[in-house]
C-alpha cells in the first residue's frame, strides 16, 4: 500500500535527517530512535494481512510533533519534527483497501462459525 511505503521512506528520512540538516543533541537522538521503529512498522504494514501494524506509527507521529518542543533543538529540528510527525500521522491513518479476510485474530476463537465454538464439547 502506497501510504505505508511513504511512511517507510519517512522512517528512513528520520534516520538521516540529523546528518543532512545538521542538528544534534536530544532532537537528533530522538529522530535516530524513532526512524527505525517507524520504518519497520510501516514496512510490516504494507501487506494486507499485517495492515494493523500501521497503527503503531500514530502515537509515534504524535510524539514527533510534540518532541521538538519538549526536547528543544534548533529551528530545523523543530520544523522537521512537526512536518514529519504530521505526515506520519496522516499516512498511518490511511487504512487502504483490504480484499481478503485473514485469520480473524483472537476474536475468531470465540465466534460461532470458527474456533472454540466449533469444538465438539461446545456443541
Foldseek 3Di string as FASTA:
>chain_A
DVLLVVQLVLLVCLLCVCVVVVWDDPLNVLSNVLSVVSNVLSVQLPDLVSVVSLVVQQVVLVCLQCVCVVRPIDPVSNVSSNVSSVSSNVSSPDSDDRDDDPDPPPVQCPDCVHRVCPDVVND
